[in-house]
Amino acid sequence: MSDSTEGPLVIQGLDGLKNRLGTDLGVSDWWTVTQDGITTFARLTGDEQWIHVDPERAKDGPFGTTIQHGFFTLGLSTGFLWEICSVDGFAVVLNYGLNKVRFPAPLAVDSKIRMHVNLAEVKELETPNGPGAEAVYRLTYEVQGQSKPCCVADLVFRYYN
């Protein structure tokens, strides 16, 4: 997803996570919403509601165009996160889930979005293979030219040895 030459921020283990607690970790590159992407997602998930897949009908709808599925936007989170940062020092990384997700504004086709990441919570986990960690990343999806984000979510990752 990224054309960045710098590469992602690399956080070193549990201590590195603790040291970054409460800080902004970075921002992804801009990503463009396309009708092809929306239509493909609709077919894969079975959510082919006209507001997503019928540009002609959507012209007369509440947003004047098709909009991307909220879950499609949310599904981009892991790729954007890895573009922004990675955590070294653990053998296994798991997407553990979400604590909170909201879609405060629609995301129109041809919009550009990027994701901001803040490390909101870190806790140590005791595992049979030694200490692990749980990190909660607060995600905010900015839409170019709009003041309201299209998605805000708390993404939970677990790290194990």
N, C-alpha and C. Protein backbone atom coordinates (compact mmCIF):
# COMPACT_ATOMS: atom_id res chain seq x y z
N MET A 1 0.80 -1.20 0.00
CA MET A 1 0.00 0.00 0.00
C MET A 1 0.85 1.26 0.00
N SER A 2 2.03 1.20 0.51
CA SER A 2 2.84 2.39 0.69
C SER A 2 3.89 2.55 -0.40
N ASP A 3 4.12 3.79 -0.82
CA ASP A 3 5.26 4.06 -1.68
C ASP A 3 6.35 4.75 -0.88
N SER A 4 6.21 4.80 0.41
CA SER A 4 7.16 5.48 1.27
C SER A 4 8.53 4.81 1.21
N THR A 5 9.57 5.63 1.12
CA THR A 5 10.93 5.09 1.10
C THR A 5 11.48 4.94 2.50
N GLU A 6 10.86 5.59 3.47
CA GLU A 6 11.32 5.52 4.85
C GLU A 6 11.01 4.17 5.49
N GLY A 7 9.90 3.60 5.17
CA GLY A 7 9.48 2.36 5.80
C GLY A 7 8.76 2.64 7.10
N PRO A 8 8.17 1.60 7.66
CA PRO A 8 7.39 1.78 8.90
C PRO A 8 8.29 2.01 10.11
N LEU A 9 7.70 2.62 11.12
CA LEU A 9 8.33 2.74 12.43
C LEU A 9 8.45 1.34 13.01
N VAL A 10 9.59 0.98 13.56
CA VAL A 10 9.78 -0.33 14.17
C VAL A 10 9.84 -0.15 15.68
N ILE A 11 8.89 -0.78 16.37
CA ILE A 11 8.81 -0.72 17.83
C ILE A 11 9.43 -2.00 18.37
N GLN A 12 10.30 -1.86 19.35
CA GLN A 12 11.02 -3.02 19.89
C GLN A 12 10.33 -3.58 21.14
N GLY A 13 9.59 -4.65 20.96
CA GLY A 13 9.03 -5.43 22.06
C GLY A 13 8.12 -4.69 23.01
N LEU A 14 7.89 -5.31 24.15
CA LEU A 14 6.99 -4.77 25.17
C LEU A 14 7.46 -3.42 25.68
N ASP A 15 8.76 -3.28 25.94
CA ASP A 15 9.28 -2.00 26.43
C ASP A 15 9.07 -0.89 25.40
N GLY A 16 9.27 -1.22 24.13
CA GLY A 16 9.04 -0.23 23.08
C GLY A 16 7.59 0.20 23.00
N LEU A 17 6.68 -0.76 23.15
CA LEU A 17 5.25 -0.43 23.18
C LEU A 17 4.92 0.47 24.36
N LYS A 18 5.43 0.11 25.54
CA LYS A 18 5.16 0.91 26.73
C LYS A 18 5.70 2.34 26.56
N ASN A 19 6.86 2.47 25.95
CA ASN A 19 7.46 3.80 25.74
C ASN A 19 6.67 4.65 24.76
N ARG A 20 5.92 4.02 23.88
CA ARG A 20 5.12 4.75 22.87
C ARG A 20 3.66 4.95 23.29
N LEU A 21 3.29 4.44 24.45
CA LEU A 21 1.91 4.53 24.93
C LEU A 21 1.42 5.98 24.90
N GLY A 22 0.25 6.18 24.32
CA GLY A 22 -0.37 7.50 24.27
C GLY A 22 0.16 8.40 23.17
N THR A 23 1.04 7.88 22.31
CA THR A 23 1.62 8.72 21.26
C THR A 23 1.02 8.40 19.90
N ASP A 24 1.12 9.37 19.02
CA ASP A 24 0.74 9.17 17.63
C ASP A 24 1.88 8.44 16.93
N LEU A 25 1.56 7.34 16.28
CA LEU A 25 2.59 6.52 15.64
C LEU A 25 2.83 6.89 14.18
N GLY A 26 1.86 7.54 13.58
CA GLY A 26 2.04 7.96 12.19
C GLY A 26 0.76 7.96 11.40
N VAL A 27 0.93 8.19 10.11
CA VAL A 27 -0.18 8.32 9.17
C VAL A 27 0.16 7.52 7.92
N SER A 28 -0.81 6.80 7.40
CA SER A 28 -0.60 6.03 6.17
C SER A 28 -0.53 6.97 4.97
N ASP A 29 -0.15 6.40 3.84
CA ASP A 29 -0.24 7.14 2.59
C ASP A 29 -1.72 7.30 2.23
N TRP A 30 -1.99 8.23 1.31
CA TRP A 30 -3.35 8.39 0.80
C TRP A 30 -3.73 7.18 -0.04
N TRP A 31 -4.98 6.80 0.04
CA TRP A 31 -5.53 5.66 -0.71
C TRP A 31 -6.82 6.13 -1.37
N THR A 32 -7.01 5.80 -2.64
CA THR A 32 -8.17 6.26 -3.40
C THR A 32 -9.26 5.19 -3.45
N VAL A 33 -10.47 5.60 -3.13
CA VAL A 33 -11.65 4.73 -3.20
C VAL A 33 -12.07 4.62 -4.67
N THR A 34 -12.20 3.38 -5.16
CA THR A 34 -12.60 3.18 -6.55
C THR A 34 -13.90 2.36 -6.61
N GLN A 35 -14.64 2.57 -7.68
CA GLN A 35 -15.86 1.79 -7.87
C GLN A 35 -15.53 0.32 -8.07
N ASP A 36 -14.45 0.02 -8.76
CA ASP A 36 -14.06 -1.39 -8.94
C ASP A 36 -13.82 -2.06 -7.60
N GLY A 37 -13.13 -1.38 -6.70
CA GLY A 37 -12.88 -1.94 -5.37
C GLY A 37 -14.17 -2.15 -4.60
N ILE A 38 -15.05 -1.16 -4.63
CA ILE A 38 -16.34 -1.26 -3.94
C ILE A 38 -17.14 -2.44 -4.49
N THR A 39 -17.21 -2.55 -5.81
CA THR A 39 -17.99 -3.61 -6.44
C THR A 39 -17.42 -4.99 -6.12
N THR A 40 -16.11 -5.11 -6.14
CA THR A 40 -15.47 -6.38 -5.79
C THR A 40 -15.78 -6.76 -4.35
N PHE A 41 -15.65 -5.81 -3.43
CA PHE A 41 -15.97 -6.07 -2.03
C PHE A 41 -17.43 -6.50 -1.89
N ALA A 42 -18.33 -5.82 -2.59
CA ALA A 42 -19.75 -6.16 -2.53
C ALA A 42 -20.00 -7.59 -2.97
N ARG A 43 -19.35 -8.00 -4.05
CA ARG A 43 -19.54 -9.36 -4.55
C ARG A 43 -18.98 -10.39 -3.56
N LEU A 44 -17.82 -10.09 -3.01
CA LEU A 44 -17.19 -11.04 -2.08
C LEU A 44 -17.99 -11.21 -0.80
N THR A 45 -18.66 -10.15 -0.35
CA THR A 45 -19.36 -10.21 0.93
C THR A 45 -20.87 -10.41 0.79
N GLY A 46 -21.39 -10.28 -0.42
CA GLY A 46 -22.83 -10.42 -0.63
C GLY A 46 -23.60 -9.17 -0.28
N ASP A 47 -22.93 -8.06 0.01
CA ASP A 47 -23.59 -6.80 0.33
C ASP A 47 -23.60 -5.93 -0.93
N GLU A 48 -24.54 -6.24 -1.82
CA GLU A 48 -24.60 -5.54 -3.10
C GLU A 48 -25.73 -4.51 -3.13
N GLN A 49 -25.93 -3.83 -2.02
CA GLN A 49 -26.94 -2.78 -1.93
C GLN A 49 -26.63 -1.69 -2.98
N TRP A 50 -27.67 -1.15 -3.58
CA TRP A 50 -27.51 -0.19 -4.68
C TRP A 50 -26.67 1.02 -4.30
N ILE A 51 -26.70 1.42 -3.05
CA ILE A 51 -25.94 2.61 -2.63
C ILE A 51 -24.43 2.40 -2.81
N HIS A 52 -24.02 1.14 -2.90
CA HIS A 52 -22.62 0.81 -3.12
C HIS A 52 -22.31 0.51 -4.59
N VAL A 53 -23.20 -0.18 -5.28
CA VAL A 53 -22.83 -0.77 -6.58
C VAL A 53 -23.57 -0.20 -7.80
N ASP A 54 -24.51 0.70 -7.61
CA ASP A 54 -25.27 1.22 -8.74
C ASP A 54 -25.06 2.74 -8.87
N PRO A 55 -24.01 3.15 -9.59
CA PRO A 55 -23.71 4.58 -9.70
C PRO A 55 -24.87 5.42 -10.24
N GLU A 56 -25.62 4.89 -11.19
CA GLU A 56 -26.73 5.66 -11.77
C GLU A 56 -27.82 5.91 -10.72
N ARG A 57 -28.22 4.88 -10.03
CA ARG A 57 -29.25 5.04 -9.01
C ARG A 57 -28.74 5.88 -7.85
N ALA A 58 -27.46 5.71 -7.49
CA ALA A 58 -26.88 6.45 -6.36
C ALA A 58 -26.82 7.95 -6.61
N LYS A 59 -26.81 8.36 -7.88
CA LYS A 59 -26.82 9.80 -8.19
C LYS A 59 -28.02 10.49 -7.56
N ASP A 60 -29.13 9.78 -7.46
CA ASP A 60 -30.36 10.33 -6.88
C ASP A 60 -30.53 9.94 -5.42
N GLY A 61 -29.53 9.28 -4.86
CA GLY A 61 -29.59 8.86 -3.46
C GLY A 61 -29.13 9.96 -2.51
N PRO A 62 -29.03 9.64 -1.24
CA PRO A 62 -28.73 10.65 -0.22
C PRO A 62 -27.34 11.26 -0.33
N PHE A 63 -26.40 10.60 -1.03
CA PHE A 63 -25.03 11.11 -1.10
C PHE A 63 -24.63 11.55 -2.49
N GLY A 64 -25.50 11.35 -3.48
CA GLY A 64 -25.24 11.79 -4.84
C GLY A 64 -24.25 10.93 -5.60
N THR A 65 -23.79 9.87 -4.98
CA THR A 65 -22.83 8.95 -5.60
C THR A 65 -22.80 7.67 -4.78
N THR A 66 -22.08 6.68 -5.28
CA THR A 66 -21.91 5.45 -4.49
C THR A 66 -20.96 5.71 -3.33
N ILE A 67 -21.11 4.89 -2.30
CA ILE A 67 -20.24 5.00 -1.12
C ILE A 67 -19.61 3.64 -0.82
N GLN A 68 -18.43 3.71 -0.24
CA GLN A 68 -17.72 2.48 0.14
C GLN A 68 -18.35 1.89 1.39
N HIS A 69 -18.38 0.57 1.47
CA HIS A 69 -18.85 -0.14 2.66
C HIS A 69 -17.96 0.24 3.85
N GLY A 70 -18.57 0.41 5.00
CA GLY A 70 -17.79 0.67 6.21
C GLY A 70 -16.84 -0.47 6.53
N PHE A 71 -17.29 -1.70 6.33
CA PHE A 71 -16.43 -2.84 6.63
C PHE A 71 -15.26 -2.97 5.65
N PHE A 72 -15.44 -2.46 4.43
CA PHE A 72 -14.32 -2.42 3.49
C PHE A 72 -13.25 -1.46 4.04
N THR A 73 -13.69 -0.28 4.46
CA THR A 73 -12.77 0.69 5.05
C THR A 73 -12.06 0.08 6.25
N LEU A 74 -12.81 -0.53 7.13
CA LEU A 74 -12.23 -1.15 8.32
C LEU A 74 -11.25 -2.26 7.94
N GLY A 75 -11.55 -3.00 6.89
CA GLY A 75 -10.68 -4.08 6.46
C GLY A 75 -9.31 -3.62 5.98
N LEU A 76 -9.19 -2.35 5.67
CA LEU A 76 -7.89 -1.80 5.25
C LEU A 76 -6.97 -1.53 6.44
N SER A 77 -7.50 -1.63 7.65
CA SER A 77 -6.75 -1.19 8.83
C SER A 77 -5.44 -1.93 9.06
N THR A 78 -5.41 -3.23 8.88
CA THR A 78 -4.18 -3.97 9.13
C THR A 78 -3.09 -3.58 8.14
N GLY A 79 -3.42 -3.48 6.87
CA GLY A 79 -2.44 -3.06 5.87
C GLY A 79 -1.92 -1.67 6.13
N PHE A 80 -2.82 -0.75 6.47
CA PHE A 80 -2.39 0.61 6.81
C PHE A 80 -1.52 0.61 8.06
N LEU A 81 -1.89 -0.18 9.08
CA LEU A 81 -1.10 -0.24 10.31
C LEU A 81 0.31 -0.71 10.01
N TRP A 82 0.44 -1.76 9.21
CA TRP A 82 1.78 -2.28 8.89
C TRP A 82 2.57 -1.30 8.04
N GLU A 83 1.88 -0.46 7.30
CA GLU A 83 2.56 0.60 6.56
C GLU A 83 3.16 1.63 7.53
N ILE A 84 2.47 1.84 8.65
CA ILE A 84 2.87 2.85 9.62
C ILE A 84 3.89 2.31 10.62
N CYS A 85 3.64 1.10 11.15
CA CYS A 85 4.54 0.58 12.18
C CYS A 85 4.50 -0.94 12.24
N SER A 86 5.53 -1.48 12.85
CA SER A 86 5.57 -2.91 13.15
C SER A 86 6.18 -3.07 14.54
N VAL A 87 5.93 -4.21 15.14
CA VAL A 87 6.47 -4.49 16.48
C VAL A 87 7.37 -5.72 16.36
N ASP A 88 8.63 -5.55 16.70
CA ASP A 88 9.60 -6.65 16.70
C ASP A 88 9.74 -7.22 18.10
N GLY A 89 10.31 -8.42 18.17
CA GLY A 89 10.61 -9.02 19.47
C GLY A 89 9.60 -10.05 19.92
N PHE A 90 8.64 -10.37 19.07
CA PHE A 90 7.66 -11.40 19.38
C PHE A 90 7.61 -12.38 18.22
N ALA A 91 7.27 -13.62 18.52
CA ALA A 91 7.22 -14.65 17.48
C ALA A 91 5.90 -14.64 16.71
N VAL A 92 4.82 -14.24 17.37
CA VAL A 92 3.49 -14.30 16.76
C VAL A 92 2.77 -12.98 16.97
N VAL A 93 2.13 -12.50 15.90
CA VAL A 93 1.30 -11.30 15.96
C VAL A 93 -0.11 -11.70 15.54
N LEU A 94 -1.10 -11.38 16.38
CA LEU A 94 -2.49 -11.72 16.06
C LEU A 94 -3.38 -10.49 16.10
N ASN A 95 -4.22 -10.37 15.09
CA ASN A 95 -5.28 -9.37 15.12
C ASN A 95 -6.33 -9.94 16.07
N TYR A 96 -6.45 -9.36 17.26
CA TYR A 96 -7.30 -9.92 18.31
C TYR A 96 -8.74 -9.44 18.22
N GLY A 97 -8.96 -8.31 17.54
CA GLY A 97 -10.33 -7.83 17.39
C GLY A 97 -10.44 -6.33 17.49
N LEU A 98 -11.64 -5.91 17.80
CA LEU A 98 -11.96 -4.49 17.87
C LEU A 98 -12.73 -4.21 19.15
N ASN A 99 -12.44 -3.10 19.77
CA ASN A 99 -13.19 -2.69 20.96
C ASN A 99 -14.32 -1.75 20.61
N LYS A 100 -14.12 -0.92 19.61
CA LYS A 100 -15.13 0.06 19.26
C LYS A 100 -14.93 0.46 17.80
N VAL A 101 -16.02 0.53 17.06
CA VAL A 101 -15.97 0.95 15.66
C VAL A 101 -17.15 1.88 15.40
N ARG A 102 -16.88 2.97 14.71
CA ARG A 102 -17.94 3.88 14.29
C ARG A 102 -17.64 4.37 12.88
N PHE A 103 -18.70 4.65 12.12
CA PHE A 103 -18.57 5.20 10.78
C PHE A 103 -19.31 6.54 10.76
N PRO A 104 -18.66 7.61 11.24
CA PRO A 104 -19.34 8.90 11.41
C PRO A 104 -19.73 9.62 10.13
N ALA A 105 -19.10 9.29 9.00
CA ALA A 105 -19.41 9.98 7.75
C ALA A 105 -19.31 8.98 6.60
N PRO A 106 -20.12 9.16 5.56
CA PRO A 106 -20.02 8.28 4.40
C PRO A 106 -18.71 8.52 3.66
N LEU A 107 -18.27 7.50 2.92
CA LEU A 107 -17.04 7.59 2.14
C LEU A 107 -17.39 7.41 0.67
N ALA A 108 -17.42 8.52 -0.06
CA ALA A 108 -17.83 8.52 -1.46
C ALA A 108 -16.75 7.97 -2.38
N VAL A 109 -17.21 7.34 -3.46
CA VAL A 109 -16.29 6.86 -4.49
C VAL A 109 -15.42 8.02 -4.96
N ASP A 110 -14.19 7.72 -5.31
CA ASP A 110 -13.17 8.68 -5.77
C ASP A 110 -12.60 9.55 -4.65
N SER A 111 -13.03 9.33 -3.40
CA SER A 111 -12.42 10.04 -2.27
C SER A 111 -11.03 9.48 -2.01
N LYS A 112 -10.25 10.26 -1.30
CA LYS A 112 -8.94 9.80 -0.83
C LYS A 112 -8.97 9.76 0.68
N ILE A 113 -8.45 8.64 1.23
CA ILE A 113 -8.41 8.49 2.69
C ILE A 113 -7.00 8.13 3.13
N ARG A 114 -6.75 8.40 4.40
CA ARG A 114 -5.53 7.92 5.04
C ARG A 114 -5.86 7.67 6.50
N MET A 115 -5.07 6.82 7.12
CA MET A 115 -5.35 6.40 8.49
C MET A 115 -4.29 6.95 9.45
N HIS A 116 -4.75 7.58 10.52
CA HIS A 116 -3.90 8.05 11.61
C HIS A 116 -3.95 7.01 12.73
N VAL A 117 -2.81 6.77 13.39
CA VAL A 117 -2.75 5.75 14.44
C VAL A 117 -2.16 6.34 15.72
N ASN A 118 -2.88 6.09 16.82
CA ASN A 118 -2.41 6.44 18.15
C ASN A 118 -2.37 5.15 18.97
N LEU A 119 -1.29 4.95 19.73
CA LEU A 119 -1.20 3.78 20.60
C LEU A 119 -1.91 4.11 21.91
N ALA A 120 -3.16 3.66 22.03
CA ALA A 120 -4.04 4.06 23.13
C ALA A 120 -3.84 3.26 24.41
N GLU A 121 -3.52 1.96 24.28
CA GLU A 121 -3.38 1.11 25.46
C GLU A 121 -2.31 0.05 25.20
N VAL A 122 -1.60 -0.31 26.27
CA VAL A 122 -0.64 -1.41 26.22
C VAL A 122 -0.75 -2.15 27.54
N LYS A 123 -0.83 -3.48 27.46
CA LYS A 123 -0.76 -4.25 28.69
C LYS A 123 0.06 -5.50 28.47
N GLU A 124 0.73 -5.91 29.53
CA GLU A 124 1.54 -7.11 29.48
C GLU A 124 0.64 -8.32 29.67
N LEU A 125 0.94 -9.39 28.92
CA LEU A 125 0.21 -10.65 29.04
C LEU A 125 1.17 -11.73 29.52
N GLU A 126 0.73 -12.54 30.44
CA GLU A 126 1.52 -13.70 30.87
C GLU A 126 1.08 -14.89 30.02
N THR A 127 2.03 -15.50 29.36
CA THR A 127 1.74 -16.65 28.50
C THR A 127 2.66 -17.80 28.88
N PRO A 128 2.35 -19.01 28.48
CA PRO A 128 3.24 -20.16 28.78
C PRO A 128 4.64 -20.00 28.19
N ASN A 129 4.77 -19.19 27.14
CA ASN A 129 6.06 -18.99 26.49
C ASN A 129 6.74 -17.69 26.90
N GLY A 130 6.32 -17.12 28.01
CA GLY A 130 6.92 -15.86 28.46
C GLY A 130 5.98 -14.69 28.26
N PRO A 131 6.49 -13.50 28.54
CA PRO A 131 5.61 -12.33 28.46
C PRO A 131 5.17 -12.02 27.03
N GLY A 132 3.93 -11.61 26.94
CA GLY A 132 3.38 -11.15 25.68
C GLY A 132 2.83 -9.75 25.89
N ALA A 133 2.12 -9.24 24.91
CA ALA A 133 1.58 -7.89 25.03
C ALA A 133 0.27 -7.79 24.27
N GLU A 134 -0.57 -6.88 24.74
CA GLU A 134 -1.77 -6.51 24.02
C GLU A 134 -1.70 -5.01 23.78
N ALA A 135 -1.90 -4.60 22.54
CA ALA A 135 -1.87 -3.18 22.18
C ALA A 135 -3.19 -2.80 21.55
N VAL A 136 -3.71 -1.65 21.95
CA VAL A 136 -4.92 -1.09 21.35
C VAL A 136 -4.50 0.13 20.54
N TYR A 137 -4.73 0.04 19.24
CA TYR A 137 -4.40 1.12 18.32
C TYR A 137 -5.67 1.89 18.01
N ARG A 138 -5.68 3.18 18.31
CA ARG A 138 -6.83 4.03 17.99
C ARG A 138 -6.66 4.55 16.57
N LEU A 139 -7.56 4.15 15.71
CA LEU A 139 -7.49 4.48 14.29
C LEU A 139 -8.49 5.57 13.94
N THR A 140 -8.04 6.52 13.17
CA THR A 140 -8.93 7.57 12.64
C THR A 140 -8.66 7.70 11.15
N TYR A 141 -9.70 7.48 10.36
CA TYR A 141 -9.59 7.58 8.91
C TYR A 141 -9.98 8.97 8.45
N GLU A 142 -9.01 9.70 7.98
CA GLU A 142 -9.21 11.04 7.45
C GLU A 142 -9.66 10.95 6.00
N VAL A 143 -10.62 11.79 5.61
CA VAL A 143 -11.05 11.90 4.22
C VAL A 143 -10.55 13.24 3.70
N GLN A 144 -9.79 13.21 2.63
CA GLN A 144 -9.22 14.44 2.09
C GLN A 144 -10.33 15.45 1.79
N GLY A 145 -10.18 16.66 2.32
CA GLY A 145 -11.14 17.73 2.07
C GLY A 145 -12.36 17.73 2.98
N GLN A 146 -12.41 16.81 3.95
CA GLN A 146 -13.56 16.75 4.86
C GLN A 146 -13.09 16.86 6.30
N SER A 147 -13.90 17.48 7.14
CA SER A 147 -13.52 17.62 8.54
C SER A 147 -13.87 16.39 9.38
N LYS A 148 -14.86 15.62 8.95
CA LYS A 148 -15.32 14.47 9.72
C LYS A 148 -14.68 13.18 9.20
N PRO A 149 -14.15 12.33 10.09
CA PRO A 149 -13.58 11.06 9.63
C PRO A 149 -14.68 10.12 9.16
N CYS A 150 -14.31 9.20 8.26
CA CYS A 150 -15.29 8.20 7.79
C CYS A 150 -15.30 6.97 8.69
N CYS A 151 -14.26 6.79 9.50
CA CYS A 151 -14.19 5.63 10.39
C CYS A 151 -13.27 5.95 11.56
N VAL A 152 -13.69 5.54 12.74
CA VAL A 152 -12.83 5.56 13.93
C VAL A 152 -12.99 4.19 14.59
N ALA A 153 -11.88 3.64 15.04
CA ALA A 153 -11.94 2.28 15.59
C ALA A 153 -10.78 2.05 16.54
N ASP A 154 -10.99 1.17 17.51
CA ASP A 154 -9.93 0.69 18.38
C ASP A 154 -9.61 -0.74 17.96
N LEU A 155 -8.43 -0.90 17.36
CA LEU A 155 -7.97 -2.19 16.85
C LEU A 155 -7.04 -2.82 17.88
N VAL A 156 -7.31 -4.07 18.24
CA VAL A 156 -6.54 -4.76 19.28
C VAL A 156 -5.65 -5.82 18.64
N PHE A 157 -4.36 -5.73 18.91
CA PHE A 157 -3.40 -6.74 18.48
C PHE A 157 -2.79 -7.40 19.71
N ARG A 158 -2.50 -8.67 19.59
CA ARG A 158 -1.78 -9.39 20.64
C ARG A 158 -0.47 -9.90 20.07
N TYR A 159 0.54 -9.87 20.92
CA TYR A 159 1.90 -10.28 20.55
C TYR A 159 2.36 -11.36 21.53
N TYR A 160 2.83 -12.48 20.96
CA TYR A 160 3.22 -13.64 21.77
C TYR A 160 4.61 -14.11 21.39
N ASN A 161 5.29 -14.76 22.36
CA ASN A 161 6.57 -15.41 22.08
C ASN A 161 6.34 -16.87 21.77
